[in-house]
Every structure is written in structure tokens, then in C-alpha cells.
C-alpha atoms as a PDB file:
ATOM      1  CA  MET A   1       0.000   0.000   0.000  1.00  0.00           C
ATOM      2  CA  LYS A   2       2.881   2.235   0.592  1.00  0.00           C
ATOM      3  CA  ALA A   3       3.835   2.012  -3.101  1.00  0.00           C
ATOM      4  CA  HIS A   4       0.378   3.020  -4.203  1.00  0.00           C
ATOM      5  CA  PHE A   5       0.329   5.816  -1.696  1.00  0.00           C
ATOM      6  CA  GLY A   6       3.579   7.274  -3.136  1.00  0.00           C
ATOM      7  CA  LYS A   7       2.206   7.210  -6.666  1.00  0.00           C
ATOM      8  CA  PHE A   8      -1.044   8.671  -5.534  1.00  0.00           C
ATOM      9  CA  ALA A   9       0.750  11.435  -3.641  1.00  0.00           C
ATOM     10  CA  LEU A  10       2.787  12.251  -6.696  1.00  0.00           C
ATOM     11  CA  ILE A  11      -0.312  12.429  -8.871  1.00  0.00           C
ATOM     12  CA  VAL A  12      -2.082  14.602  -6.331  1.00  0.00           C
ATOM     13  CA  VAL A  13       0.888  16.977  -6.037  1.00  0.00           C
ATOM     14  CA  ALA A  14       1.396  17.149  -9.806  1.00  0.00           C
ATOM     15  CA  GLY A  15      -2.287  17.661 -10.384  1.00  0.00           C
ATOM     16  CA  SER A  16      -2.555  20.354  -7.791  1.00  0.00           C
ATOM     17  CA  LEU A  17       0.432  22.112  -9.204  1.00  0.00           C
ATOM     18  CA  ALA A  18      -1.034  21.914 -12.703  1.00  0.00           C
ATOM     19  CA  LEU A  19      -4.352  23.210 -11.497  1.00  0.00           C
ATOM     20  CA  GLY A  20      -2.653  25.875  -9.427  1.00  0.00           C
ATOM     21  CA  GLY A  21      -1.107  27.524 -12.510  1.00  0.00           C
ATOM     22  CA  CYS A  22       2.390  26.019 -12.171  1.00  0.00           C
ATOM     23  CA  ALA A  23       4.403  24.962 -15.188  1.00  0.00           C
ATOM     24  CA  THR A  24       4.006  21.649 -16.909  1.00  0.00           C
ATOM     25  CA  THR A  25       6.833  19.197 -17.392  1.00  0.00           C
ATOM     26  CA  GLY A  26       7.301  20.291 -21.011  1.00  0.00           C
ATOM     27  CA  SER A  27       7.508  23.954 -20.097  1.00  0.00           C
ATOM     28  CA  VAL A  28       9.934  23.137 -17.296  1.00  0.00           C
ATOM     29  CA  LYS A  29      12.085  21.212 -19.774  1.00  0.00           C
ATOM     30  CA  ARG A  30      11.962  24.098 -22.264  1.00  0.00           C
ATOM     31  CA  ALA A  31      12.856  26.579 -19.529  1.00  0.00           C
ATOM     32  CA  GLN A  32      15.737  24.333 -18.423  1.00  0.00           C
ATOM     33  CA  ALA A  33      16.981  24.090 -22.035  1.00  0.00           C
ATOM     34  CA  ARG A  34      16.865  27.867 -22.384  1.00  0.00           C
ATOM     35  CA  ALA A  35      18.644  28.271 -19.069  1.00  0.00           C
ATOM     36  CA  ASP A  36      21.330  25.810 -20.199  1.00  0.00           C
ATOM     37  CA  GLN A  37      21.703  27.659 -23.494  1.00  0.00           C
ATOM     38  CA  ALA A  38      21.945  31.002 -21.658  1.00  0.00           C
ATOM     39  CA  PHE A  39      24.547  29.491 -19.345  1.00  0.00           C
ATOM     40  CA  VAL A  40      26.629  28.285 -22.333  1.00  0.00           C
ATOM     41  CA  GLU A  41      26.329  31.719 -23.968  1.00  0.00           C
ATOM     42  CA  GLY A  42      27.337  33.348 -20.698  1.00  0.00           C
ATOM     43  CA  GLN A  43      30.412  31.119 -20.498  1.00  0.00           C
ATOM     44  CA  LYS A  44      31.321  32.079 -24.073  1.00  0.00           C
ATOM     45  CA  GLY A  45      30.904  35.742 -23.134  1.00  0.00           C
ATOM     46  CA  GLN A  46      33.130  35.254 -20.109  1.00  0.00           C
ATOM     47  CA  ALA A  47      35.777  33.562 -22.282  1.00  0.00           C
ATOM     48  CA  ASP A  48      35.575  36.435 -24.775  1.00  0.00           C
ATOM     49  CA  ALA A  49      35.866  38.932 -21.926  1.00  0.00           C
ATOM     50  CA  ALA A  50      38.896  37.061 -20.565  1.00  0.00           C
ATOM     51  CA  ARG A  51      40.550  37.131 -24.016  1.00  0.00           C
ATOM     52  CA  ALA A  52      39.755  40.837 -24.336  1.00  0.00           C
ATOM     53  CA  GLN A  53      41.232  41.466 -20.890  1.00  0.00           C
ATOM     54  CA  GLY A  54      44.362  39.552 -21.908  1.00  0.00           C
ATOM     55  CA  SER A  55      44.644  41.658 -25.062  1.00  0.00           C
ATOM     56  CA  ALA A  56      44.137  44.840 -23.052  1.00  0.00           C
ATOM     57  CA  ASP A  57      46.816  43.745 -20.562  1.00  0.00           C
ATOM     58  CA  ALA A  58      49.217  42.994 -23.429  1.00  0.00           C
ATOM     59  CA  ALA A  59      48.459  46.377 -24.992  1.00  0.00           C
ATOM     60  CA  GLY A  60      49.083  48.092 -21.664  1.00  0.00           C
ATOM     61  CA  ALA A  61      52.423  46.297 -21.291  1.00  0.00           C
ATOM     62  CA  ALA A  62      53.364  47.264 -24.859  1.00  0.00           C
ATOM     63  CA  ALA A  63      52.431  50.869 -24.125  1.00  0.00           C
ATOM     64  CA  GLN A  64      54.639  50.825 -21.026  1.00  0.00           C
ATOM     65  CA  ARG A  65      57.540  49.403 -23.048  1.00  0.00           C
ATOM     66  CA  ALA A  66      56.970  52.044 -25.731  1.00  0.00           C
ATOM     67  CA  GLN A  67      56.980  54.770 -23.092  1.00  0.00           C
ATOM     68  CA  GLY A  68      60.235  53.393 -21.700  1.00  0.00           C
ATOM     69  CA  SER A  69      61.732  53.387 -25.198  1.00  0.00           C
ATOM     70  CA  ALA A  70      60.510  56.934 -25.791  1.00  0.00           C
ATOM     71  CA  ASP A  71      62.010  58.058 -22.484  1.00  0.00           C
ATOM     72  CA  ALA A  72      65.318  56.399 -23.364  1.00  0.00           C
ATOM     73  CA  ALA A  73      65.262  58.021 -26.816  1.00  0.00           C
ATOM     74  CA  GLY A  74      64.600  61.412 -25.230  1.00  0.00           C
ATOM     75  CA  SER A  75      67.521  60.958 -22.869  1.00  0.00           C
ATOM     76  CA  ALA A  76      69.742  59.873 -25.749  1.00  0.00           C
ATOM     77  CA  ALA A  77      68.662  62.919 -27.757  1.00  0.00           C
ATOM     78  CA  GLN A  78      69.514  65.207 -24.859  1.00  0.00           C
ATOM     79  CA  GLY A  79      72.901  63.540 -24.522  1.00  0.00           C
ATOM     80  CA  ALA A  80      73.475  63.886 -28.270  1.00  0.00           C
ATOM     81  CA  GLY A  81      72.526  67.574 -28.074  1.00  0.00           C
ATOM     82  CA  ALA A  82      75.032  68.145 -25.293  1.00  0.00           C
ATOM     83  CA  ALA A  83      77.708  66.255 -27.240  1.00  0.00           C
ATOM     84  CA  ALA A  84      76.923  68.328 -30.338  1.00  0.00           C
ATOM     85  CA  GLN A  85      77.308  71.539 -28.340  1.00  0.00           C
ATOM     86  CA  GLN A  86      80.657  70.348 -27.010  1.00  0.00           C
ATOM     87  CA  ALA A  87      81.744  69.390 -30.516  1.00  0.00           C
ATOM     88  CA  GLN A  88      80.704  72.819 -31.805  1.00  0.00           C
ATOM     89  CA  ALA A  89      82.656  74.530 -29.031  1.00  0.00           C
ATOM     90  CA  THR A  90      85.697  72.392 -29.868  1.00  0.00           C
ATOM     91  CA  ALA A  91      85.312  73.176 -33.578  1.00  0.00           C
ATOM     92  CA  ASN A  92      85.072  76.898 -32.812  1.00  0.00           C
ATOM     93  CA  ALA A  93      88.224  76.702 -30.678  1.00  0.00           C
ATOM     94  CA  ALA A  94      90.004  74.757 -33.437  1.00  0.00           C
ATOM     95  CA  GLN A  95      88.923  77.357 -36.006  1.00  0.00           C
ATOM     96  CA  ALA A  96      90.237  80.151 -33.792  1.00  0.00           C
ATOM     97  CA  ASN A  97      93.514  78.260 -33.384  1.00  0.00           C
ATOM     98  CA  GLY A  98      93.659  77.664 -37.136  1.00  0.00           C
ATOM     99  CA  ASP A  99      93.137  81.362 -37.827  1.00  0.00           C
ATOM    100  CA  GLN A 100      95.880  82.250 -35.371  1.00  0.00           C
ATOM    101  CA  ILE A 101      98.222  79.683 -36.921  1.00  0.00           C
ATOM    102  CA  THR A 102      97.489  81.061 -40.398  1.00  0.00           C
ATOM    103  CA  ALA A 103      98.222  84.617 -39.258  1.00  0.00           C
ATOM    104  CA  LEU A 104     101.454  83.572 -37.534  1.00  0.00           C
ATOM    105  CA  SER A 105     102.520  81.494 -40.552  1.00  0.00           C
ATOM    106  CA  SER A 106     101.940  84.437 -42.887  1.00  0.00           C
ATOM    107  CA  ARG A 107     103.894  86.757 -40.590  1.00  0.00           C
ATOM    108  CA  LEU A 108     106.762  84.240 -40.341  1.00  0.00           C
ATOM    109  CA  HIS A 109     106.841  83.899 -44.131  1.00  0.00           C
ATOM    110  CA  LYS A 110     107.086  87.658 -44.536  1.00  0.00           C
ATOM    111  CA  LEU A 111     109.885  87.866 -41.943  1.00  0.00           C
ATOM    112  CA  GLU A 112     111.798  85.029 -43.612  1.00  0.00           C
ATOM    113  CA  ALA A 113     111.445  86.720 -47.004  1.00  0.00           C
ATOM    114  CA  ALA A 114     112.683  90.011 -45.572  1.00  0.00           C
ATOM    115  CA  GLU A 115     115.638  88.242 -43.949  1.00  0.00           C
ATOM    116  CA  TRP A 116     116.485  86.481 -47.217  1.00  0.00           C
ATOM    117  CA  ARG A 117     116.338  89.783 -49.130  1.00  0.00           C
ATOM    118  CA  ARG A 118     118.616  91.373 -46.524  1.00  0.00           C
ATOM    119  CA  HIS A 119     121.246  88.677 -47.041  1.00  0.00           C
ATOM    120  CA  HIS A 120     120.803  88.480 -50.816  1.00  0.00           C
ATOM    121  CA  PRO A 121     120.808  92.017 -52.224  1.00  0.00           C
ATOM    122  CA  LYS A 122     119.775  92.568 -55.826  1.00  0.00           C
ATOM    123  CA  LYS A 123     122.601  92.463 -58.304  1.00  0.00           C
ATOM    124  CA  ALA A 124     123.021  95.133 -60.932  1.00  0.00           C
ATOM    125  CA  LYS A 125     121.664  94.052 -64.229  1.00  0.00           C
ATOM    126  CA  HIS A 126     123.663  94.415 -67.394  1.00  0.00           C
ATOM    127  CA  ARG A 127     121.739  96.244 -70.038  1.00  0.00           C
ATOM    128  CA  HIS A 128     122.254  94.877 -73.472  1.00  0.00           C
ATOM    129  CA  HIS A 129     121.331  97.048 -76.380  1.00  0.00           C
ATOM    130  CA  PRO A 130     119.912  95.183 -79.286  1.00  0.00           C
ATOM    131  CA  LYS A 131     121.749  95.295 -82.594  1.00  0.00           C
ATOM    132  CA  PRO A 132     120.221  97.631 -85.106  1.00  0.00           C
ATOM    133  CA  LYS A 133     118.023  96.027 -87.703  1.00  0.00           C
ATOM    134  CA  PRO A 134     119.081  96.303 -91.287  1.00  0.00           C
ATOM    135  CA  VAL A 135     117.051  98.779 -93.296  1.00  0.00           C
ATOM    136  CA  GLN A 136     115.918  97.749 -96.730  1.00  0.00           C
ATOM    137  CA  ASN A 137     116.340 100.153 -99.582  1.00  0.00           C
ATOM    138  CA  ASN A 138     114.348 100.227-102.704  1.00  0.00           C
ATOM    139  CA  GLU A 139     116.830  98.120-104.555  1.00  0.00           C
ATOM    140  CA  GLY A 140     116.441  95.175-102.275  1.00  0.00           C
ATOM    141  CA  GLN A 141     119.841  95.585-100.638  1.00  0.00           C
ATOM    142  CA  ALA A 142     120.294  95.733 -96.942  1.00  0.00           C
ATOM    143  CA  LYS A 143     121.539  98.992 -95.513  1.00  0.00           C
ATOM    144  CA  PHE A 144     122.893  99.479 -92.068  1.00  0.00           C
ATOM    145  CA  HIS A 145     122.568 102.557 -89.975  1.00  0.00           C
ATOM    146  CA  GLN A 146     125.683 104.371 -89.278  1.00  0.00           C
END
């Protein structure tokens, strides 16, 4: 009798639930299927969100590396600017030294030339008079000036 009572109780409970406006077994199964489908979609969304978060983290790390590279490049540029200024100052000093050397070299050359002229006076030049050219007369004979 206990077995019949259990079946009867189940029928009474199911019937009262059906009459009370509760869902049927089919609607419960459909609702469960929809819930399962929503759960699967939610898991896919979470996986997509996790991948997006990973991409965002990677992008943030890349941005930090890029900022570090930019900072290093800025420092290198400042160092290069300072080195260029030093090189320009050195070039200016070298140019000034070169100008001074050129002036001193020119002065020394002039003094050496003057000293050489002092020790080697000009010699008197012998003046040679050219021989007179023969004058032609009308007869085709050469005539010399007397």
C-alpha cells in the first residue's frame, strides 16, 4: 500500500500544481533548455571577456615598453645635443687656433722673405742694347745705320 500511496501522492501533487497555474513538465524542460543555453552563452561571453582582458593587458604592457623606449630616446637625444654643443665649441676653438696659426705662418713667411732679401741684395743688371736692324732700300739691298 505504501507504493500506491507514493504514486497517488505524486499524482495529487502534480495535479494540484497543474491546477494551481504552475508549469508543466514540457515547459519546465523548455525553460531548463533555455537556461542551459543562456549558461553556455554566458560562459562564451566570459571567455571572450577574458581574451579581451588579456589583449588589453598585453596592450598596456606594450604601451609601457613604448613609453620606456621613448624616455630612453629622449635621454639619448639630450645627450646627443650636449655632445653636439661640445663638438661645436671644440670646432670653434680649433677654427680660432687655425686662424691664429694662419696669421702667424703668414707673418713668419714675410719675416723670412725680408731676412732672405737682406742677405741676398739685388745684383746690378747688365743692359744689353739690341743690334740695329738692317734697313731695306728700294733696290732690295740691306743697308745698315751708321
